[in-house]
Amino acid sequence: MEIHFEEEYLSDLYYKGKTTDKKHRFQPDVIKRYKLRVETLEDAESVEDLYPIRSLHYEVLKGDKKGISSIRVNDQYRIEFTTNKIESETILTICNILELSNHYK
């Protein structure tokens, strides 16, 4: 899958391992697991490839977050993303990382 980051801090966390945004600072372990999860998303050819990986806890959200999917980074954080399919010769799923959120908020 092709990954697009909606927020700059998400891209910085993935490529640089840190961010200058003081609002979005995370522990090194959270950043490490975040990077691993984004790599898992990149390696998947489609969203269906995420279903059998139980540790991701893949789910399609409901209510005010309808249309957004999520996978778990750890017990406290998840990555929320949207997917779009573009048809040409092959179907490419584009994941747009929306937020590294604390799902207890």
PDB file of N, CA and C in Angstrom:
ATOM      1  N   MET A   1       0.834  -1.182   0.000  1.00  0.00           N
ATOM      2  CA  MET A   1       0.000   0.000   0.000  1.00  0.00           C
ATOM      3  C   MET A   1       0.877   1.244   0.000  1.00  0.00           C
ATOM      4  N   GLU A   2       0.366   2.261  -0.574  1.00  0.00           N
ATOM      5  CA  GLU A   2       1.044   3.548  -0.573  1.00  0.00           C
ATOM      6  C   GLU A   2       0.550   4.331   0.638  1.00  0.00           C
ATOM      7  N   ILE A   3       1.464   4.919   1.378  1.00  0.00           N
ATOM      8  CA  ILE A   3       1.117   5.613   2.616  1.00  0.00           C
ATOM      9  C   ILE A   3       1.224   7.128   2.420  1.00  0.00           C
ATOM     10  N   HIS A   4       0.201   7.835   2.823  1.00  0.00           N
ATOM     11  CA  HIS A   4       0.214   9.295   2.852  1.00  0.00           C
ATOM     12  C   HIS A   4      -0.098   9.720   4.278  1.00  0.00           C
ATOM     13  N   PHE A   5       0.657  10.660   4.799  1.00  0.00           N
ATOM     14  CA  PHE A   5       0.444  11.157   6.158  1.00  0.00           C
ATOM     15  C   PHE A   5      -0.326  12.472   6.090  1.00  0.00           C
ATOM     16  N   GLU A   6      -1.413  12.550   6.818  1.00  0.00           N
ATOM     17  CA  GLU A   6      -2.211  13.771   6.806  1.00  0.00           C
ATOM     18  C   GLU A   6      -1.566  14.875   7.631  1.00  0.00           C
ATOM     19  N   GLU A   7      -0.884  14.513   8.689  1.00  0.00           N
ATOM     20  CA  GLU A   7      -0.229  15.486   9.571  1.00  0.00           C
ATOM     21  C   GLU A   7       1.287  15.323   9.477  1.00  0.00           C
ATOM     22  N   GLU A   8       1.995  16.445   9.532  1.00  0.00           N
ATOM     23  CA  GLU A   8       3.453  16.416   9.414  1.00  0.00           C
ATOM     24  C   GLU A   8       4.116  15.654  10.568  1.00  0.00           C
ATOM     25  N   TYR A   9       3.568  15.773  11.774  1.00  0.00           N
ATOM     26  CA  TYR A   9       4.187  15.095  12.915  1.00  0.00           C
ATOM     27  C   TYR A   9       4.174  13.571  12.737  1.00  0.00           C
ATOM     28  N   LEU A  10       3.163  13.034  12.046  1.00  0.00           N
ATOM     29  CA  LEU A  10       3.108  11.594  11.803  1.00  0.00           C
ATOM     30  C   LEU A  10       4.215  11.155  10.848  1.00  0.00           C
ATOM     31  N   SER A  11       4.464  11.962   9.840  1.00  0.00           N
ATOM     32  CA  SER A  11       5.546  11.687   8.914  1.00  0.00           C
ATOM     33  C   SER A  11       6.896  11.788   9.622  1.00  0.00           C
ATOM     34  N   ASP A  12       7.067  12.831  10.438  1.00  0.00           N
ATOM     35  CA  ASP A  12       8.321  13.005  11.186  1.00  0.00           C
ATOM     36  C   ASP A  12       8.580  11.824  12.116  1.00  0.00           C
ATOM     37  N   LEU A  13       7.544  11.364  12.801  1.00  0.00           N
ATOM     38  CA  LEU A  13       7.712  10.224  13.701  1.00  0.00           C
ATOM     39  C   LEU A  13       8.182   8.987  12.944  1.00  0.00           C
ATOM     40  N   TYR A  14       7.637   8.799  11.752  1.00  0.00           N
ATOM     41  CA  TYR A  14       7.994   7.611  10.981  1.00  0.00           C
ATOM     42  C   TYR A  14       9.393   7.718  10.376  1.00  0.00           C
ATOM     43  N   TYR A  15       9.691   8.833   9.739  1.00  0.00           N
ATOM     44  CA  TYR A  15      10.966   8.959   9.027  1.00  0.00           C
ATOM     45  C   TYR A  15      12.125   9.400   9.919  1.00  0.00           C
ATOM     46  N   LYS A  16      11.855  10.250  10.913  1.00  0.00           N
ATOM     47  CA  LYS A  16      12.920  10.784  11.760  1.00  0.00           C
ATOM     48  C   LYS A  16      12.952  10.164  13.156  1.00  0.00           C
ATOM     49  N   GLY A  17      11.852   9.548  13.572  1.00  0.00           N
ATOM     50  CA  GLY A  17      11.792   8.949  14.897  1.00  0.00           C
ATOM     51  C   GLY A  17      11.498   9.946  16.002  1.00  0.00           C
ATOM     52  N   LYS A  18      11.203  11.176  15.619  1.00  0.00           N
ATOM     53  CA  LYS A  18      10.859  12.215  16.600  1.00  0.00           C
ATOM     54  C   LYS A  18      10.139  13.335  15.861  1.00  0.00           C
ATOM     55  N   THR A  19       9.558  14.241  16.630  1.00  0.00           N
ATOM     56  CA  THR A  19       8.870  15.383  16.035  1.00  0.00           C
ATOM     57  C   THR A  19       9.183  16.642  16.830  1.00  0.00           C
ATOM     58  N   THR A  20       9.138  17.766  16.162  1.00  0.00           N
ATOM     59  CA  THR A  20       9.368  19.038  16.849  1.00  0.00           C
ATOM     60  C   THR A  20       8.070  19.579  17.437  1.00  0.00           C
ATOM     61  N   ASP A  21       6.960  18.957  17.085  1.00  0.00           N
ATOM     62  CA  ASP A  21       5.648  19.363  17.584  1.00  0.00           C
ATOM     63  C   ASP A  21       5.526  18.949  19.054  1.00  0.00           C
ATOM     64  N   LYS A  22       5.528  19.904  19.961  1.00  0.00           N
ATOM     65  CA  LYS A  22       5.523  19.600  21.399  1.00  0.00           C
ATOM     66  C   LYS A  22       4.240  18.918  21.851  1.00  0.00           C
ATOM     67  N   LYS A  23       3.163  19.113  21.115  1.00  0.00           N
ATOM     68  CA  LYS A  23       1.886  18.494  21.480  1.00  0.00           C
ATOM     69  C   LYS A  23       1.900  16.986  21.221  1.00  0.00           C
ATOM     70  N   HIS A  24       2.720  16.544  20.296  1.00  0.00           N
ATOM     71  CA  HIS A  24       2.713  15.149  19.875  1.00  0.00           C
ATOM     72  C   HIS A  24       4.049  14.465  20.153  1.00  0.00           C
ATOM     73  N   ARG A  25       4.424  14.439  21.386  1.00  0.00           N
ATOM     74  CA  ARG A  25       5.649  13.725  21.772  1.00  0.00           C
ATOM     75  C   ARG A  25       5.254  12.407  22.422  1.00  0.00           C
ATOM     76  N   PHE A  26       5.962  11.356  22.052  1.00  0.00           N
ATOM     77  CA  PHE A  26       5.647  10.023  22.532  1.00  0.00           C
ATOM     78  C   PHE A  26       6.905   9.347  23.060  1.00  0.00           C
ATOM     79  N   GLN A  27       6.709   8.346  23.899  1.00  0.00           N
ATOM     80  CA  GLN A  27       7.816   7.564  24.437  1.00  0.00           C
ATOM     81  C   GLN A  27       8.501   6.800  23.298  1.00  0.00           C
ATOM     82  N   PRO A  28       9.807   6.531  23.423  1.00  0.00           N
ATOM     83  CA  PRO A  28      10.533   5.823  22.359  1.00  0.00           C
ATOM     84  C   PRO A  28       9.906   4.483  21.981  1.00  0.00           C
ATOM     85  N   ASP A  29       9.360   3.753  22.953  1.00  0.00           N
ATOM     86  CA  ASP A  29       8.742   2.465  22.655  1.00  0.00           C
ATOM     87  C   ASP A  29       7.496   2.638  21.779  1.00  0.00           C
ATOM     88  N   VAL A  30       6.721   3.679  22.023  1.00  0.00           N
ATOM     89  CA  VAL A  30       5.525   3.946  21.225  1.00  0.00           C
ATOM     90  C   VAL A  30       5.935   4.288  19.792  1.00  0.00           C
ATOM     91  N   ILE A  31       6.972   5.095  19.637  1.00  0.00           N
ATOM     92  CA  ILE A  31       7.452   5.472  18.303  1.00  0.00           C
ATOM     93  C   ILE A  31       7.958   4.238  17.554  1.00  0.00           C
ATOM     94  N   LYS A  32       8.702   3.379  18.246  1.00  0.00           N
ATOM     95  CA  LYS A  32       9.231   2.163  17.628  1.00  0.00           C
ATOM     96  C   LYS A  32       8.091   1.274  17.130  1.00  0.00           C
ATOM     97  N   ARG A  33       7.071   1.082  17.952  1.00  0.00           N
ATOM     98  CA  ARG A  33       5.938   0.249  17.555  1.00  0.00           C
ATOM     99  C   ARG A  33       5.110   0.917  16.450  1.00  0.00           C
ATOM    100  N   TYR A  34       5.005   2.239  16.495  1.00  0.00           N
ATOM    101  CA  TYR A  34       4.316   2.991  15.444  1.00  0.00           C
ATOM    102  C   TYR A  34       4.992   2.742  14.091  1.00  0.00           C
ATOM    103  N   LYS A  35       6.320   2.833  14.072  1.00  0.00           N
ATOM    104  CA  LYS A  35       7.066   2.616  12.844  1.00  0.00           C
ATOM    105  C   LYS A  35       6.857   1.194  12.315  1.00  0.00           C
ATOM    106  N   LEU A  36       6.842   0.212  13.224  1.00  0.00           N
ATOM    107  CA  LEU A  36       6.611  -1.173  12.819  1.00  0.00           C
ATOM    108  C   LEU A  36       5.211  -1.345  12.217  1.00  0.00           C
ATOM    109  N   ARG A  37       4.225  -0.695  12.809  1.00  0.00           N
ATOM    110  CA  ARG A  37       2.845  -0.789  12.306  1.00  0.00           C
ATOM    111  C   ARG A  37       2.707  -0.133  10.935  1.00  0.00           C
ATOM    112  N   VAL A  38       3.358   1.006  10.739  1.00  0.00           N
ATOM    113  CA  VAL A  38       3.302   1.660   9.426  1.00  0.00           C
ATOM    114  C   VAL A  38       3.986   0.770   8.386  1.00  0.00           C
ATOM    115  N   GLU A  39       5.082   0.123   8.755  1.00  0.00           N
ATOM    116  CA  GLU A  39       5.749  -0.804   7.838  1.00  0.00           C
ATOM    117  C   GLU A  39       4.830  -1.970   7.484  1.00  0.00           C
ATOM    118  N   THR A  40       4.067  -2.446   8.463  1.00  0.00           N
ATOM    119  CA  THR A  40       3.100  -3.517   8.204  1.00  0.00           C
ATOM    120  C   THR A  40       2.052  -3.046   7.199  1.00  0.00           C
ATOM    121  N   LEU A  41       1.573  -1.808   7.367  1.00  0.00           N
ATOM    122  CA  LEU A  41       0.615  -1.251   6.415  1.00  0.00           C
ATOM    123  C   LEU A  41       1.223  -1.144   5.021  1.00  0.00           C
ATOM    124  N   GLU A  42       2.475  -0.719   4.931  1.00  0.00           N
ATOM    125  CA  GLU A  42       3.150  -0.590   3.632  1.00  0.00           C
ATOM    126  C   GLU A  42       3.301  -1.936   2.948  1.00  0.00           C
ATOM    127  N   ASP A  43       3.606  -2.969   3.735  1.00  0.00           N
ATOM    128  CA  ASP A  43       3.842  -4.302   3.180  1.00  0.00           C
ATOM    129  C   ASP A  43       2.561  -4.983   2.706  1.00  0.00           C
ATOM    130  N   ALA A  44       1.428  -4.587   3.259  1.00  0.00           N
ATOM    131  CA  ALA A  44       0.158  -5.199   2.878  1.00  0.00           C
ATOM    132  C   ALA A  44      -0.225  -4.759   1.467  1.00  0.00           C
ATOM    133  N   GLU A  45      -0.729  -5.695   0.685  1.00  0.00           N
ATOM    134  CA  GLU A  45      -1.177  -5.348  -0.668  1.00  0.00           C
ATOM    135  C   GLU A  45      -2.583  -4.775  -0.645  1.00  0.00           C
ATOM    136  N   SER A  46      -3.362  -5.147   0.360  1.00  0.00           N
ATOM    137  CA  SER A  46      -4.721  -4.639   0.501  1.00  0.00           C
ATOM    138  C   SER A  46      -5.114  -4.691   1.979  1.00  0.00           C
ATOM    139  N   VAL A  47      -6.213  -4.050   2.305  1.00  0.00           N
ATOM    140  CA  VAL A  47      -6.693  -4.038   3.686  1.00  0.00           C
ATOM    141  C   VAL A  47      -7.001  -5.463   4.166  1.00  0.00           C
ATOM    142  N   GLU A  48      -7.439  -6.305   3.254  1.00  0.00           N
ATOM    143  CA  GLU A  48      -7.771  -7.684   3.605  1.00  0.00           C
ATOM    144  C   GLU A  48      -6.567  -8.437   4.166  1.00  0.00           C
ATOM    145  N   ASP A  49      -5.355  -8.028   3.793  1.00  0.00           N
ATOM    146  CA  ASP A  49      -4.140  -8.658   4.322  1.00  0.00           C
ATOM    147  C   ASP A  49      -3.960  -8.387   5.810  1.00  0.00           C
ATOM    148  N   LEU A  50      -4.643  -7.374   6.339  1.00  0.00           N
ATOM    149  CA  LEU A  50      -4.513  -7.028   7.763  1.00  0.00           C
ATOM    150  C   LEU A  50      -5.405  -7.887   8.649  1.00  0.00           C
ATOM    151  N   TYR A  51      -6.468  -8.459   8.080  1.00  0.00           N
ATOM    152  CA  TYR A  51      -7.438  -9.218   8.869  1.00  0.00           C
ATOM    153  C   TYR A  51      -6.818 -10.362   9.680  1.00  0.00           C
ATOM    154  N   PRO A  52      -5.968 -11.200   9.072  1.00  0.00           N
ATOM    155  CA  PRO A  52      -5.456 -12.350   9.844  1.00  0.00           C
ATOM    156  C   PRO A  52      -4.402 -11.996  10.901  1.00  0.00           C
ATOM    157  N   ILE A  53      -3.890 -10.789  10.893  1.00  0.00           N
ATOM    158  CA  ILE A  53      -2.850 -10.409  11.866  1.00  0.00           C
ATOM    159  C   ILE A  53      -3.555  -9.936  13.136  1.00  0.00           C
ATOM    160  N   ARG A  54      -3.766 -10.840  14.053  1.00  0.00           N
ATOM    161  CA  ARG A  54      -4.577 -10.576  15.241  1.00  0.00           C
ATOM    162  C   ARG A  54      -4.008  -9.475  16.131  1.00  0.00           C
ATOM    163  N   SER A  55      -2.702  -9.350  16.187  1.00  0.00           N
ATOM    164  CA  SER A  55      -2.083  -8.355  17.068  1.00  0.00           C
ATOM    165  C   SER A  55      -2.392  -6.921  16.639  1.00  0.00           C
ATOM    166  N   LEU A  56      -2.819  -6.730  15.396  1.00  0.00           N
ATOM    167  CA  LEU A  56      -3.161  -5.389  14.927  1.00  0.00           C
ATOM    168  C   LEU A  56      -4.511  -4.926  15.462  1.00  0.00           C
ATOM    169  N   HIS A  57      -5.392  -5.874  15.776  1.00  0.00           N
ATOM    170  CA  HIS A  57      -6.758  -5.546  16.212  1.00  0.00           C
ATOM    171  C   HIS A  57      -7.418  -4.609  15.201  1.00  0.00           C
ATOM    172  N   TYR A  58      -7.298  -4.973  13.921  1.00  0.00           N
ATOM    173  CA  TYR A  58      -7.884  -4.151  12.857  1.00  0.00           C
ATOM    174  C   TYR A  58      -9.388  -4.038  13.057  1.00  0.00           C
ATOM    175  N   GLU A  59      -9.905  -2.819  12.931  1.00  0.00           N
ATOM    176  CA  GLU A  59     -11.348  -2.628  13.005  1.00  0.00           C
ATOM    177  C   GLU A  59     -11.766  -1.404  12.203  1.00  0.00           C
ATOM    178  N   VAL A  60     -13.000  -1.441  11.736  1.00  0.00           N
ATOM    179  CA  VAL A  60     -13.613  -0.291  11.083  1.00  0.00           C
ATOM    180  C   VAL A  60     -14.415   0.407  12.170  1.00  0.00           C
ATOM    181  N   LEU A  61     -14.139   1.688  12.367  1.00  0.00           N
ATOM    182  CA  LEU A  61     -14.761   2.427  13.464  1.00  0.00           C
ATOM    183  C   LEU A  61     -16.195   2.814  13.126  1.00  0.00           C
ATOM    184  N   LYS A  62     -16.959   3.091  14.164  1.00  0.00           N
ATOM    185  CA  LYS A  62     -18.382   3.419  14.008  1.00  0.00           C
ATOM    186  C   LYS A  62     -18.658   4.785  14.616  1.00  0.00           C
ATOM    187  N   GLY A  63     -19.903   5.218  14.508  1.00  0.00           N
ATOM    188  CA  GLY A  63     -20.326   6.480  15.114  1.00  0.00           C
ATOM    189  C   GLY A  63     -19.746   7.680  14.399  1.00  0.00           C
ATOM    190  N   ASP A  64     -19.182   8.621  15.181  1.00  0.00           N
ATOM    191  CA  ASP A  64     -18.641   9.846  14.583  1.00  0.00           C
ATOM    192  C   ASP A  64     -17.354   9.600  13.797  1.00  0.00           C
ATOM    193  N   LYS A  65     -16.784   8.401  13.893  1.00  0.00           N
ATOM    194  CA  LYS A  65     -15.576   8.065  13.139  1.00  0.00           C
ATOM    195  C   LYS A  65     -15.886   7.053  12.033  1.00  0.00           C
ATOM    196  N   LYS A  66     -17.132   7.060  11.564  1.00  0.00           N
ATOM    197  CA  LYS A  66     -17.545   6.151  10.498  1.00  0.00           C
ATOM    198  C   LYS A  66     -16.694   6.401   9.257  1.00  0.00           C
ATOM    199  N   GLY A  67     -16.255   5.316   8.612  1.00  0.00           N
ATOM    200  CA  GLY A  67     -15.423   5.428   7.422  1.00  0.00           C
ATOM    201  C   GLY A  67     -13.936   5.406   7.728  1.00  0.00           C
ATOM    202  N   ILE A  68     -13.588   5.370   9.010  1.00  0.00           N
ATOM    203  CA  ILE A  68     -12.185   5.333   9.433  1.00  0.00           C
ATOM    204  C   ILE A  68     -11.882   3.949   9.984  1.00  0.00           C
ATOM    205  N   SER A  69     -10.723   3.425   9.633  1.00  0.00           N
ATOM    206  CA  SER A  69     -10.260   2.139  10.158  1.00  0.00           C
ATOM    207  C   SER A  69      -9.152   2.391  11.158  1.00  0.00           C
ATOM    208  N   SER A  70      -8.849   1.383  11.970  1.00  0.00           N
ATOM    209  CA  SER A  70      -7.752   1.554  12.914  1.00  0.00           C
ATOM    210  C   SER A  70      -7.038   0.234  13.165  1.00  0.00           C
ATOM    211  N   ILE A  71      -5.772   0.367  13.542  1.00  0.00           N
ATOM    212  CA  ILE A  71      -4.987  -0.752  14.056  1.00  0.00           C
ATOM    213  C   ILE A  71      -4.326  -0.281  15.335  1.00  0.00           C
ATOM    214  N   ARG A  72      -4.003  -1.204  16.203  1.00  0.00           N
ATOM    215  CA  ARG A  72      -3.403  -0.865  17.487  1.00  0.00           C
ATOM    216  C   ARG A  72      -1.891  -0.766  17.388  1.00  0.00           C
ATOM    217  N   VAL A  73      -1.358   0.252  18.058  1.00  0.00           N
ATOM    218  CA  VAL A  73       0.089   0.387  18.220  1.00  0.00           C
ATOM    219  C   VAL A  73       0.481  -0.368  19.487  1.00  0.00           C
ATOM    220  N   ASN A  74      -0.277  -0.121  20.549  1.00  0.00           N
ATOM    221  CA  ASN A  74      -0.130  -0.850  21.813  1.00  0.00           C
ATOM    222  C   ASN A  74      -1.481  -0.796  22.523  1.00  0.00           C
ATOM    223  N   ASP A  75      -1.522  -1.083  23.804  1.00  0.00           N
ATOM    224  CA  ASP A  75      -2.795  -1.067  24.533  1.00  0.00           C
ATOM    225  C   ASP A  75      -3.399   0.327  24.638  1.00  0.00           C
ATOM    226  N   GLN A  76      -2.575   1.346  24.518  1.00  0.00           N
ATOM    227  CA  GLN A  76      -3.040   2.717  24.725  1.00  0.00           C
ATOM    228  C   GLN A  76      -3.267   3.490  23.428  1.00  0.00           C
ATOM    229  N   TYR A  77      -2.486   3.224  22.390  1.00  0.00           N
ATOM    230  CA  TYR A  77      -2.540   4.021  21.162  1.00  0.00           C
ATOM    231  C   TYR A  77      -2.953   3.196  19.951  1.00  0.00           C
ATOM    232  N   ARG A  78      -3.558   3.881  18.994  1.00  0.00           N
ATOM    233  CA  ARG A  78      -3.920   3.258  17.730  1.00  0.00           C
ATOM    234  C   ARG A  78      -3.623   4.220  16.586  1.00  0.00           C
ATOM    235  N   ILE A  79      -3.506   3.669  15.398  1.00  0.00           N
ATOM    236  CA  ILE A  79      -3.351   4.455  14.188  1.00  0.00           C
ATOM    237  C   ILE A  79      -4.703   4.438  13.487  1.00  0.00           C
ATOM    238  N   GLU A  80      -5.242   5.613  13.232  1.00  0.00           N
ATOM    239  CA  GLU A  80      -6.500   5.723  12.509  1.00  0.00           C
ATOM    240  C   GLU A  80      -6.184   6.118  11.073  1.00  0.00           C
ATOM    241  N   PHE A  81      -6.852   5.482  10.125  1.00  0.00           N
ATOM    242  CA  PHE A  81      -6.559   5.756   8.723  1.00  0.00           C
ATOM    243  C   PHE A  81      -7.789   5.548   7.857  1.00  0.00           C
ATOM    244  N   THR A  82      -7.750   6.157   6.684  1.00  0.00           N
ATOM    245  CA  THR A  82      -8.784   5.942   5.681  1.00  0.00           C
ATOM    246  C   THR A  82      -8.159   5.217   4.504  1.00  0.00           C
ATOM    247  N   THR A  83      -8.966   4.506   3.772  1.00  0.00           N
ATOM    248  CA  THR A  83      -8.467   3.815   2.588  1.00  0.00           C
ATOM    249  C   THR A  83      -9.307   4.217   1.379  1.00  0.00           C
ATOM    250  N   ASN A  84      -8.645   4.317   0.255  1.00  0.00           N
ATOM    251  CA  ASN A  84      -9.290   4.615  -1.020  1.00  0.00           C
ATOM    252  C   ASN A  84      -8.724   3.663  -2.051  1.00  0.00           C
ATOM    253  N   LYS A  85      -9.571   3.171  -2.930  1.00  0.00           N
ATOM    254  CA  LYS A  85      -9.099   2.282  -3.988  1.00  0.00           C
ATOM    255  C   LYS A  85      -9.117   3.030  -5.309  1.00  0.00           C
ATOM    256  N   ILE A  86      -7.998   2.946  -6.021  1.00  0.00           N
ATOM    257  CA  ILE A  86      -7.867   3.578  -7.328  1.00  0.00           C
ATOM    258  C   ILE A  86      -7.735   2.459  -8.353  1.00  0.00           C
ATOM    259  N   GLU A  87      -8.620   2.452  -9.305  1.00  0.00           N
ATOM    260  CA  GLU A  87      -8.596   1.372 -10.292  1.00  0.00           C
ATOM    261  C   GLU A  87      -7.875   1.809 -11.556  1.00  0.00           C
ATOM    262  N   SER A  88      -6.963   0.983 -11.984  1.00  0.00           N
ATOM    263  CA  SER A  88      -6.321   1.105 -13.294  1.00  0.00           C
ATOM    264  C   SER A  88      -6.081  -0.336 -13.714  1.00  0.00           C
ATOM    265  N   GLU A  89      -4.867  -0.727 -13.964  1.00  0.00           N
ATOM    266  CA  GLU A  89      -4.622  -2.131 -14.265  1.00  0.00           C
ATOM    267  C   GLU A  89      -4.724  -2.972 -13.001  1.00  0.00           C
ATOM    268  N   THR A  90      -4.267  -2.434 -11.900  1.00  0.00           N
ATOM    269  CA  THR A  90      -4.376  -3.120 -10.620  1.00  0.00           C
ATOM    270  C   THR A  90      -5.046  -2.178  -9.626  1.00  0.00           C
ATOM    271  N   ILE A  91      -5.535  -2.740  -8.545  1.00  0.00           N
ATOM    272  CA  ILE A  91      -6.167  -1.929  -7.515  1.00  0.00           C
ATOM    273  C   ILE A  91      -5.114  -1.589  -6.475  1.00  0.00           C
ATOM    274  N   LEU A  92      -4.953  -0.324  -6.214  1.00  0.00           N
ATOM    275  CA  LEU A  92      -4.000   0.157  -5.230  1.00  0.00           C
ATOM    276  C   LEU A  92      -4.779   0.766  -4.078  1.00  0.00           C
ATOM    277  N   THR A  93      -4.485   0.347  -2.878  1.00  0.00           N
ATOM    278  CA  THR A  93      -5.153   0.904  -1.710  1.00  0.00           C
ATOM    279  C   THR A  93      -4.237   1.935  -1.086  1.00  0.00           C
ATOM    280  N   ILE A  94      -4.726   3.149  -0.935  1.00  0.00           N
ATOM    281  CA  ILE A  94      -3.934   4.225  -0.347  1.00  0.00           C
ATOM    282  C   ILE A  94      -4.387   4.419   1.090  1.00  0.00           C
ATOM    283  N   CYS A  95      -3.479   4.280   2.017  1.00  0.00           N
ATOM    284  CA  CYS A  95      -3.792   4.517   3.422  1.00  0.00           C
ATOM    285  C   CYS A  95      -3.376   5.926   3.781  1.00  0.00           C
ATOM    286  N   ASN A  96      -4.265   6.629   4.379  1.00  0.00           N
ATOM    287  CA  ASN A  96      -3.990   7.984   4.831  1.00  0.00           C
ATOM    288  C   ASN A  96      -4.006   7.952   6.354  1.00  0.00           C
ATOM    289  N   ILE A  97      -2.853   8.094   6.971  1.00  0.00           N
ATOM    290  CA  ILE A  97      -2.777   8.026   8.416  1.00  0.00           C
ATOM    291  C   ILE A  97      -3.355   9.311   8.982  1.00  0.00           C
ATOM    292  N   LEU A  98      -4.430   9.197   9.720  1.00  0.00           N
ATOM    293  CA  LEU A  98      -5.089  10.370  10.258  1.00  0.00           C
ATOM    294  C   LEU A  98      -4.510  10.802  11.583  1.00  0.00           C
ATOM    295  N   GLU A  99      -4.315   9.848  12.478  1.00  0.00           N
ATOM    296  CA  GLU A  99      -4.017  10.260  13.833  1.00  0.00           C
ATOM    297  C   GLU A  99      -3.395   9.100  14.599  1.00  0.00           C
ATOM    298  N   LEU A 100      -2.418   9.409  15.428  1.00  0.00           N
ATOM    299  CA  LEU A 100      -1.911   8.458  16.400  1.00  0.00           C
ATOM    300  C   LEU A 100      -2.621   8.873  17.673  1.00  0.00           C
ATOM    301  N   SER A 101      -3.666   8.154  18.009  1.00  0.00           N
ATOM    302  CA  SER A 101      -4.530   8.629  19.073  1.00  0.00           C
ATOM    303  C   SER A 101      -4.531   7.703  20.276  1.00  0.00           C
ATOM    304  N   ASN A 102      -4.805   8.310  21.405  1.00  0.00           N
ATOM    305  CA  ASN A 102      -5.009   7.564  22.631  1.00  0.00           C
ATOM    306  C   ASN A 102      -6.482   7.180  22.621  1.00  0.00           C
ATOM    307  N   HIS A 103      -6.793   5.899  22.448  1.00  0.00           N
ATOM    308  CA  HIS A 103      -8.183   5.517  22.281  1.00  0.00           C
ATOM    309  C   HIS A 103      -8.985   5.520  23.575  1.00  0.00           C
ATOM    310  N   TYR A 104      -8.370   5.912  24.673  1.00  0.00           N
ATOM    311  CA  TYR A 104      -9.102   6.042  25.929  1.00  0.00           C
ATOM    312  C   TYR A 104      -9.652   7.458  26.130  1.00  0.00           C
ATOM    313  N   LYS A 105      -9.298   8.375  25.229  1.00  0.00           N
ATOM    314  CA  LYS A 105      -9.787   9.761  25.354  1.00  0.00           C
ATOM    315  C   LYS A 105     -11.197   9.862  24.842  1.00  0.00           C
TER     316      LYS A 105
END
